Amino acid sequence: MMKRLPQTQHHPDGYLRLTLAELKAMRLVHLCSAQDPSVKGMLDSLCIPCRQAGYTEWWVPAIHLSIGWDWYVDALTAQWRMVPWDVRSNVMLVTVEAMTDLGAKASEYLLRQHLASLSWPQQLAVELAHVAPLVPAVSVGVPSVLH
């Protein structure tokens, strides 16, 4: 496992290494979101009923941290959910004690758990209300922040 570099520097492998506590202390700013028919199509092929689906990207501009995931609105419950596939990020979580990598799968699992605790569905619904359906676009106005 690789040793940790200072928190705001990227490693040559492209990852930004943080502890889970450091990640939780950061404010994620909305970068872009859109409905995406290809995400809906993938969910349909998996027999996951959804009303709409798409992608979203959030970041911490000062340190170029980026986290993105695909989402959908459940057709039965109308709840916003993360899709069952990968969360995309340049974050590699590390242990507090030894500052060694947790690995890609453990980092993704913990990122997913952290994102589930945030109010992204409410903020995403507001962001998408400003965008025409099925047209990828960056929202305009004051950036949304997750914390």
N, C-alpha and C. Protein backbone atom coordinates (compact mmCIF):
# COMPACT_ATOMS: atom_id res chain seq x y z
N MET A 1 0.83 -1.18 0.00
CA MET A 1 0.00 0.00 0.00
C MET A 1 0.88 1.25 0.00
N MET A 2 0.34 2.32 -0.57
CA MET A 2 1.11 3.54 -0.73
C MET A 2 0.96 4.43 0.49
N LYS A 3 2.02 5.12 0.84
CA LYS A 3 1.97 6.09 1.94
C LYS A 3 1.28 7.36 1.47
N ARG A 4 0.64 8.05 2.37
CA ARG A 4 -0.13 9.25 2.09
C ARG A 4 0.76 10.47 1.87
N LEU A 5 0.38 11.28 0.90
CA LEU A 5 1.00 12.57 0.65
C LEU A 5 0.15 13.63 1.36
N PRO A 6 0.62 14.85 1.44
CA PRO A 6 -0.21 15.90 2.06
C PRO A 6 -1.60 15.94 1.45
N GLN A 7 -2.60 16.28 2.28
CA GLN A 7 -4.00 16.12 1.93
C GLN A 7 -4.44 16.80 0.65
N THR A 8 -3.87 17.94 0.28
CA THR A 8 -4.37 18.65 -0.89
C THR A 8 -3.54 18.39 -2.15
N GLN A 9 -2.63 17.45 -2.12
CA GLN A 9 -1.85 17.13 -3.30
C GLN A 9 -2.29 15.79 -3.87
N HIS A 10 -2.34 15.73 -5.20
CA HIS A 10 -2.67 14.48 -5.86
C HIS A 10 -1.41 13.63 -5.98
N HIS A 11 -1.59 12.35 -5.82
CA HIS A 11 -0.51 11.39 -6.01
C HIS A 11 -0.29 11.23 -7.52
N PRO A 12 0.88 10.77 -7.94
CA PRO A 12 1.09 10.55 -9.38
C PRO A 12 0.06 9.60 -10.02
N ASP A 13 -0.60 8.77 -9.23
CA ASP A 13 -1.64 7.89 -9.78
C ASP A 13 -2.97 8.61 -9.99
N GLY A 14 -3.04 9.91 -9.63
CA GLY A 14 -4.23 10.72 -9.86
C GLY A 14 -5.18 10.81 -8.70
N TYR A 15 -4.98 10.01 -7.68
CA TYR A 15 -5.88 10.04 -6.52
C TYR A 15 -5.50 11.13 -5.53
N LEU A 16 -6.52 11.66 -4.89
CA LEU A 16 -6.37 12.57 -3.77
C LEU A 16 -6.64 11.72 -2.53
N ARG A 17 -5.67 11.62 -1.64
CA ARG A 17 -5.79 10.73 -0.48
C ARG A 17 -6.27 11.51 0.75
N LEU A 18 -7.37 10.99 1.34
CA LEU A 18 -8.01 11.62 2.50
C LEU A 18 -8.49 10.55 3.45
N THR A 19 -8.58 10.91 4.72
CA THR A 19 -9.29 10.03 5.66
C THR A 19 -10.78 10.28 5.48
N LEU A 20 -11.60 9.37 5.96
CA LEU A 20 -13.04 9.55 5.87
C LEU A 20 -13.47 10.80 6.63
N ALA A 21 -12.84 11.06 7.77
CA ALA A 21 -13.18 12.26 8.55
C ALA A 21 -12.86 13.54 7.76
N GLU A 22 -11.74 13.56 7.05
CA GLU A 22 -11.39 14.73 6.23
C GLU A 22 -12.42 14.92 5.13
N LEU A 23 -12.83 13.83 4.48
CA LEU A 23 -13.83 13.92 3.43
C LEU A 23 -15.15 14.46 3.98
N LYS A 24 -15.58 13.94 5.12
CA LYS A 24 -16.84 14.37 5.72
C LYS A 24 -16.83 15.84 6.11
N ALA A 25 -15.67 16.40 6.38
CA ALA A 25 -15.56 17.80 6.77
C ALA A 25 -15.62 18.74 5.57
N MET A 26 -15.54 18.21 4.36
CA MET A 26 -15.51 19.06 3.16
C MET A 26 -16.91 19.34 2.65
N ARG A 27 -17.04 20.48 2.01
CA ARG A 27 -18.31 20.89 1.41
C ARG A 27 -18.26 20.57 -0.08
N LEU A 28 -19.14 19.70 -0.51
CA LEU A 28 -19.24 19.37 -1.93
C LEU A 28 -20.10 20.40 -2.64
N VAL A 29 -19.62 20.92 -3.76
CA VAL A 29 -20.33 21.92 -4.54
C VAL A 29 -20.85 21.25 -5.82
N HIS A 30 -22.09 21.51 -6.15
CA HIS A 30 -22.68 20.93 -7.36
C HIS A 30 -21.95 21.47 -8.60
N LEU A 31 -21.54 20.56 -9.47
CA LEU A 31 -20.88 20.95 -10.72
C LEU A 31 -21.86 20.83 -11.89
N CYS A 32 -22.44 19.67 -12.08
CA CYS A 32 -23.42 19.50 -13.16
C CYS A 32 -24.27 18.25 -12.91
N SER A 33 -25.44 18.25 -13.50
CA SER A 33 -26.36 17.12 -13.42
C SER A 33 -27.27 17.18 -14.63
N ALA A 34 -27.74 16.02 -15.05
CA ALA A 34 -28.68 15.96 -16.16
C ALA A 34 -29.38 14.62 -16.17
N GLN A 35 -30.54 14.59 -16.78
CA GLN A 35 -31.18 13.32 -17.05
C GLN A 35 -30.40 12.66 -18.19
N ASP A 36 -30.36 11.33 -18.18
CA ASP A 36 -29.59 10.61 -19.19
C ASP A 36 -30.37 9.36 -19.58
N PRO A 37 -30.88 9.32 -20.81
CA PRO A 37 -31.67 8.16 -21.24
C PRO A 37 -30.86 6.86 -21.23
N SER A 38 -29.55 6.92 -21.37
CA SER A 38 -28.77 5.69 -21.35
C SER A 38 -28.74 5.07 -19.96
N VAL A 39 -28.74 5.90 -18.91
CA VAL A 39 -28.81 5.38 -17.55
C VAL A 39 -30.18 4.73 -17.33
N LYS A 40 -31.24 5.40 -17.79
CA LYS A 40 -32.58 4.81 -17.67
C LYS A 40 -32.65 3.49 -18.43
N GLY A 41 -32.05 3.44 -19.60
CA GLY A 41 -32.04 2.21 -20.39
C GLY A 41 -31.33 1.06 -19.67
N MET A 42 -30.21 1.37 -19.01
CA MET A 42 -29.49 0.33 -18.26
C MET A 42 -30.35 -0.17 -17.09
N LEU A 43 -31.03 0.75 -16.41
CA LEU A 43 -31.89 0.36 -15.30
C LEU A 43 -33.07 -0.48 -15.80
N ASP A 44 -33.65 -0.08 -16.93
CA ASP A 44 -34.75 -0.85 -17.51
C ASP A 44 -34.28 -2.27 -17.83
N SER A 45 -33.06 -2.40 -18.37
CA SER A 45 -32.55 -3.73 -18.73
C SER A 45 -32.31 -4.60 -17.50
N LEU A 46 -32.13 -3.96 -16.33
CA LEU A 46 -31.94 -4.69 -15.08
C LEU A 46 -33.26 -4.87 -14.32
N CYS A 47 -34.36 -4.48 -14.96
CA CYS A 47 -35.70 -4.56 -14.36
C CYS A 47 -35.80 -3.73 -13.08
N ILE A 48 -35.15 -2.57 -13.08
CA ILE A 48 -35.26 -1.62 -11.97
C ILE A 48 -36.19 -0.51 -12.46
N PRO A 49 -37.44 -0.48 -11.98
CA PRO A 49 -38.39 0.50 -12.49
C PRO A 49 -38.05 1.92 -12.03
N CYS A 50 -37.96 2.83 -13.00
CA CYS A 50 -37.64 4.22 -12.64
C CYS A 50 -38.43 5.19 -13.49
N ARG A 51 -38.70 6.35 -12.91
CA ARG A 51 -39.41 7.43 -13.61
C ARG A 51 -38.46 8.24 -14.48
N GLN A 52 -37.28 8.49 -13.93
CA GLN A 52 -36.24 9.23 -14.65
C GLN A 52 -34.89 8.82 -14.08
N ALA A 53 -33.83 9.10 -14.82
CA ALA A 53 -32.50 8.71 -14.38
C ALA A 53 -31.48 9.65 -15.02
N GLY A 54 -30.30 9.69 -14.42
CA GLY A 54 -29.27 10.56 -14.97
C GLY A 54 -27.98 10.46 -14.20
N TYR A 55 -27.20 11.52 -14.29
CA TYR A 55 -25.90 11.57 -13.62
C TYR A 55 -25.77 12.89 -12.87
N THR A 56 -24.84 12.90 -11.93
CA THR A 56 -24.54 14.13 -11.20
C THR A 56 -23.06 14.15 -10.85
N GLU A 57 -22.50 15.33 -10.78
CA GLU A 57 -21.08 15.51 -10.45
C GLU A 57 -20.97 16.64 -9.44
N TRP A 58 -20.20 16.37 -8.38
CA TRP A 58 -19.97 17.34 -7.31
C TRP A 58 -18.47 17.45 -7.11
N TRP A 59 -18.02 18.59 -6.55
CA TRP A 59 -16.58 18.75 -6.37
C TRP A 59 -16.24 19.67 -5.23
N VAL A 60 -14.98 19.69 -4.87
CA VAL A 60 -14.41 20.66 -3.94
C VAL A 60 -13.37 21.41 -4.77
N PRO A 61 -13.71 22.60 -5.29
CA PRO A 61 -12.85 23.29 -6.24
C PRO A 61 -11.43 23.56 -5.76
N ALA A 62 -11.26 23.92 -4.51
CA ALA A 62 -9.94 24.32 -4.02
C ALA A 62 -8.91 23.20 -4.13
N ILE A 63 -9.36 21.96 -4.05
CA ILE A 63 -8.40 20.85 -4.10
C ILE A 63 -8.69 19.90 -5.26
N HIS A 64 -9.59 20.28 -6.16
CA HIS A 64 -9.92 19.49 -7.35
C HIS A 64 -10.42 18.09 -7.01
N LEU A 65 -11.16 17.97 -5.91
CA LEU A 65 -11.80 16.71 -5.55
C LEU A 65 -13.07 16.59 -6.37
N SER A 66 -13.31 15.41 -6.93
CA SER A 66 -14.48 15.20 -7.77
C SER A 66 -15.17 13.89 -7.39
N ILE A 67 -16.50 13.94 -7.27
CA ILE A 67 -17.30 12.75 -6.99
C ILE A 67 -18.53 12.81 -7.89
N GLY A 68 -18.76 11.74 -8.63
CA GLY A 68 -19.93 11.66 -9.49
C GLY A 68 -20.60 10.31 -9.37
N TRP A 69 -21.89 10.29 -9.64
CA TRP A 69 -22.62 9.03 -9.61
C TRP A 69 -23.86 9.15 -10.48
N ASP A 70 -24.42 8.01 -10.84
CA ASP A 70 -25.67 7.96 -11.56
C ASP A 70 -26.80 7.79 -10.55
N TRP A 71 -27.95 8.31 -10.88
CA TRP A 71 -29.09 8.31 -9.97
C TRP A 71 -30.36 7.94 -10.74
N TYR A 72 -31.40 7.64 -9.99
CA TYR A 72 -32.71 7.43 -10.60
C TYR A 72 -33.80 7.75 -9.57
N VAL A 73 -35.00 7.99 -10.09
CA VAL A 73 -36.17 8.18 -9.25
C VAL A 73 -36.98 6.89 -9.36
N ASP A 74 -37.12 6.20 -8.23
CA ASP A 74 -37.81 4.92 -8.16
C ASP A 74 -39.26 5.09 -8.60
N ALA A 75 -39.70 4.26 -9.54
CA ALA A 75 -41.06 4.36 -10.08
C ALA A 75 -42.13 3.99 -9.06
N LEU A 76 -41.78 3.17 -8.10
CA LEU A 76 -42.77 2.72 -7.11
C LEU A 76 -42.87 3.64 -5.91
N THR A 77 -41.74 4.18 -5.46
CA THR A 77 -41.73 4.98 -4.22
C THR A 77 -41.49 6.47 -4.46
N ALA A 78 -41.08 6.84 -5.67
CA ALA A 78 -40.72 8.22 -6.02
C ALA A 78 -39.50 8.72 -5.25
N GLN A 79 -38.74 7.81 -4.65
CA GLN A 79 -37.51 8.21 -3.94
C GLN A 79 -36.35 8.29 -4.91
N TRP A 80 -35.48 9.26 -4.67
CA TRP A 80 -34.25 9.40 -5.45
C TRP A 80 -33.23 8.42 -4.88
N ARG A 81 -32.57 7.67 -5.76
CA ARG A 81 -31.61 6.66 -5.32
C ARG A 81 -30.36 6.71 -6.19
N MET A 82 -29.27 6.22 -5.61
CA MET A 82 -28.04 6.03 -6.38
C MET A 82 -28.17 4.70 -7.11
N VAL A 83 -27.67 4.62 -8.33
CA VAL A 83 -27.71 3.35 -9.07
C VAL A 83 -26.78 2.34 -8.40
N PRO A 84 -26.97 1.06 -8.68
CA PRO A 84 -26.15 0.06 -8.01
C PRO A 84 -24.73 -0.08 -8.55
N TRP A 85 -24.34 0.70 -9.55
CA TRP A 85 -22.97 0.58 -10.03
C TRP A 85 -22.09 1.69 -9.47
N ASP A 86 -20.90 1.81 -9.98
CA ASP A 86 -19.81 2.59 -9.40
C ASP A 86 -20.11 4.06 -9.11
N VAL A 87 -19.52 4.54 -8.02
CA VAL A 87 -19.37 5.96 -7.74
C VAL A 87 -18.03 6.34 -8.37
N ARG A 88 -18.01 7.43 -9.14
CA ARG A 88 -16.77 7.86 -9.81
C ARG A 88 -16.11 8.96 -8.99
N SER A 89 -14.83 8.80 -8.70
CA SER A 89 -14.15 9.79 -7.88
C SER A 89 -12.64 9.69 -8.04
N ASN A 90 -11.99 10.80 -7.72
CA ASN A 90 -10.52 10.79 -7.67
C ASN A 90 -10.04 10.71 -6.22
N VAL A 91 -10.90 10.22 -5.32
CA VAL A 91 -10.56 10.09 -3.91
C VAL A 91 -10.17 8.66 -3.59
N MET A 92 -9.06 8.50 -2.89
CA MET A 92 -8.68 7.22 -2.30
C MET A 92 -8.67 7.45 -0.81
N LEU A 93 -9.54 6.77 -0.10
CA LEU A 93 -9.57 6.92 1.35
C LEU A 93 -8.42 6.14 1.97
N VAL A 94 -7.92 6.68 3.07
CA VAL A 94 -6.78 6.08 3.76
C VAL A 94 -7.11 5.86 5.23
N THR A 95 -6.35 4.96 5.85
CA THR A 95 -6.54 4.71 7.28
C THR A 95 -6.03 5.89 8.08
N VAL A 96 -6.60 6.10 9.24
CA VAL A 96 -6.17 7.19 10.11
C VAL A 96 -4.82 6.87 10.72
N GLU A 97 -4.63 5.64 11.17
CA GLU A 97 -3.42 5.27 11.90
C GLU A 97 -2.18 5.26 11.01
N ALA A 98 -2.20 4.47 9.96
CA ALA A 98 -1.00 4.28 9.14
C ALA A 98 -1.00 5.12 7.86
N MET A 99 -2.13 5.79 7.57
CA MET A 99 -2.28 6.59 6.35
C MET A 99 -2.00 5.76 5.10
N THR A 100 -2.46 4.51 5.12
CA THR A 100 -2.32 3.65 3.95
C THR A 100 -3.66 3.52 3.24
N ASP A 101 -3.61 3.25 1.95
CA ASP A 101 -4.82 3.16 1.14
C ASP A 101 -5.77 2.08 1.66
N LEU A 102 -7.06 2.41 1.63
CA LEU A 102 -8.07 1.41 1.94
C LEU A 102 -8.38 0.54 0.72
N GLY A 103 -8.02 1.03 -0.45
CA GLY A 103 -8.31 0.32 -1.70
C GLY A 103 -9.53 0.91 -2.39
N ALA A 104 -9.64 0.61 -3.68
CA ALA A 104 -10.71 1.19 -4.49
C ALA A 104 -12.10 0.75 -4.05
N LYS A 105 -12.29 -0.53 -3.78
CA LYS A 105 -13.62 -1.03 -3.42
C LYS A 105 -14.07 -0.49 -2.05
N ALA A 106 -13.16 -0.51 -1.07
CA ALA A 106 -13.52 0.01 0.26
C ALA A 106 -13.77 1.51 0.19
N SER A 107 -12.96 2.23 -0.59
CA SER A 107 -13.17 3.68 -0.74
C SER A 107 -14.53 3.96 -1.37
N GLU A 108 -14.88 3.21 -2.42
CA GLU A 108 -16.17 3.41 -3.07
C GLU A 108 -17.32 3.11 -2.11
N TYR A 109 -17.20 2.03 -1.36
CA TYR A 109 -18.25 1.67 -0.40
C TYR A 109 -18.45 2.81 0.62
N LEU A 110 -17.36 3.32 1.17
CA LEU A 110 -17.45 4.40 2.17
C LEU A 110 -17.93 5.71 1.55
N LEU A 111 -17.52 6.00 0.31
CA LEU A 111 -18.03 7.18 -0.39
C LEU A 111 -19.55 7.06 -0.55
N ARG A 112 -20.00 5.90 -0.98
CA ARG A 112 -21.44 5.66 -1.18
C ARG A 112 -22.20 5.85 0.14
N GLN A 113 -21.65 5.32 1.23
CA GLN A 113 -22.29 5.47 2.55
C GLN A 113 -22.35 6.95 2.94
N HIS A 114 -21.26 7.67 2.71
CA HIS A 114 -21.23 9.10 3.04
C HIS A 114 -22.25 9.87 2.20
N LEU A 115 -22.27 9.62 0.90
CA LEU A 115 -23.21 10.33 0.03
C LEU A 115 -24.66 10.04 0.42
N ALA A 116 -24.94 8.82 0.86
CA ALA A 116 -26.30 8.46 1.27
C ALA A 116 -26.75 9.26 2.49
N SER A 117 -25.80 9.77 3.27
CA SER A 117 -26.15 10.54 4.46
C SER A 117 -26.37 12.03 4.16
N LEU A 118 -26.11 12.44 2.93
CA LEU A 118 -26.24 13.85 2.54
C LEU A 118 -27.59 14.11 1.88
N SER A 119 -27.93 15.37 1.73
CA SER A 119 -29.22 15.76 1.16
C SER A 119 -29.17 15.94 -0.36
N TRP A 120 -28.36 15.12 -1.04
CA TRP A 120 -28.22 15.29 -2.49
C TRP A 120 -29.54 15.13 -3.25
N PRO A 121 -30.47 14.24 -2.86
CA PRO A 121 -31.70 14.14 -3.66
C PRO A 121 -32.49 15.45 -3.70
N GLN A 122 -32.61 16.11 -2.56
CA GLN A 122 -33.34 17.37 -2.52
C GLN A 122 -32.64 18.44 -3.37
N GLN A 123 -31.34 18.52 -3.24
CA GLN A 123 -30.61 19.53 -4.00
C GLN A 123 -30.60 19.22 -5.50
N LEU A 124 -30.50 17.95 -5.82
CA LEU A 124 -30.51 17.56 -7.23
C LEU A 124 -31.87 17.86 -7.87
N ALA A 125 -32.95 17.62 -7.14
CA ALA A 125 -34.29 17.93 -7.65
C ALA A 125 -34.41 19.41 -7.97
N VAL A 126 -33.87 20.26 -7.10
CA VAL A 126 -33.90 21.71 -7.35
C VAL A 126 -33.05 22.05 -8.57
N GLU A 127 -31.85 21.48 -8.66
CA GLU A 127 -30.97 21.75 -9.80
C GLU A 127 -31.64 21.36 -11.11
N LEU A 128 -32.24 20.17 -11.15
CA LEU A 128 -32.84 19.68 -12.39
C LEU A 128 -34.12 20.42 -12.75
N ALA A 129 -34.74 21.08 -11.79
CA ALA A 129 -35.93 21.88 -12.09
C ALA A 129 -35.59 23.06 -12.98
N HIS A 130 -34.31 23.47 -12.99
CA HIS A 130 -33.86 24.59 -13.82
C HIS A 130 -33.38 24.15 -15.19
N VAL A 131 -33.39 22.85 -15.46
CA VAL A 131 -32.85 22.32 -16.71
C VAL A 131 -33.97 21.65 -17.48
N ALA A 132 -34.02 21.87 -18.78
CA ALA A 132 -35.04 21.22 -19.61
C ALA A 132 -34.83 19.71 -19.57
N PRO A 133 -35.89 18.92 -19.55
CA PRO A 133 -35.77 17.45 -19.48
C PRO A 133 -34.90 16.88 -20.60
N LEU A 134 -34.06 15.93 -20.25
CA LEU A 134 -33.22 15.16 -21.15
C LEU A 134 -32.18 15.98 -21.90
N VAL A 135 -31.90 17.19 -21.43
CA VAL A 135 -30.88 18.00 -22.06
C VAL A 135 -29.75 18.20 -21.07
N PRO A 136 -28.56 17.57 -21.28
CA PRO A 136 -27.46 17.78 -20.35
C PRO A 136 -27.06 19.25 -20.31
N ALA A 137 -26.95 19.79 -19.10
CA ALA A 137 -26.58 21.19 -18.94
C ALA A 137 -26.10 21.43 -17.53
N VAL A 138 -25.27 22.42 -17.40
CA VAL A 138 -24.81 22.84 -16.07
C VAL A 138 -25.83 23.83 -15.55
N SER A 139 -26.22 23.69 -14.31
CA SER A 139 -27.19 24.62 -13.74
C SER A 139 -26.59 26.00 -13.59
N VAL A 140 -27.44 26.99 -13.57
CA VAL A 140 -27.01 28.37 -13.48
C VAL A 140 -27.42 28.92 -12.11
N GLY A 141 -26.64 29.85 -11.60
CA GLY A 141 -27.00 30.49 -10.35
C GLY A 141 -26.05 30.14 -9.23
N VAL A 142 -26.52 30.30 -8.02
CA VAL A 142 -25.71 30.04 -6.83
C VAL A 142 -25.47 28.54 -6.73
N PRO A 143 -24.21 28.13 -6.56
CA PRO A 143 -23.94 26.70 -6.49
C PRO A 143 -24.55 26.06 -5.25
N SER A 144 -25.04 24.84 -5.43
CA SER A 144 -25.53 24.06 -4.31
C SER A 144 -24.35 23.49 -3.57
N VAL A 145 -24.51 23.34 -2.26
CA VAL A 145 -23.42 22.84 -1.44
C VAL A 145 -23.95 21.71 -0.56
N LEU A 146 -23.20 20.61 -0.48
CA LEU A 146 -23.52 19.52 0.43
C LEU A 146 -22.53 19.52 1.56
N HIS A 147 -23.02 19.40 2.75
CA HIS A 147 -22.11 19.34 3.92
C HIS A 147 -22.75 18.53 5.00
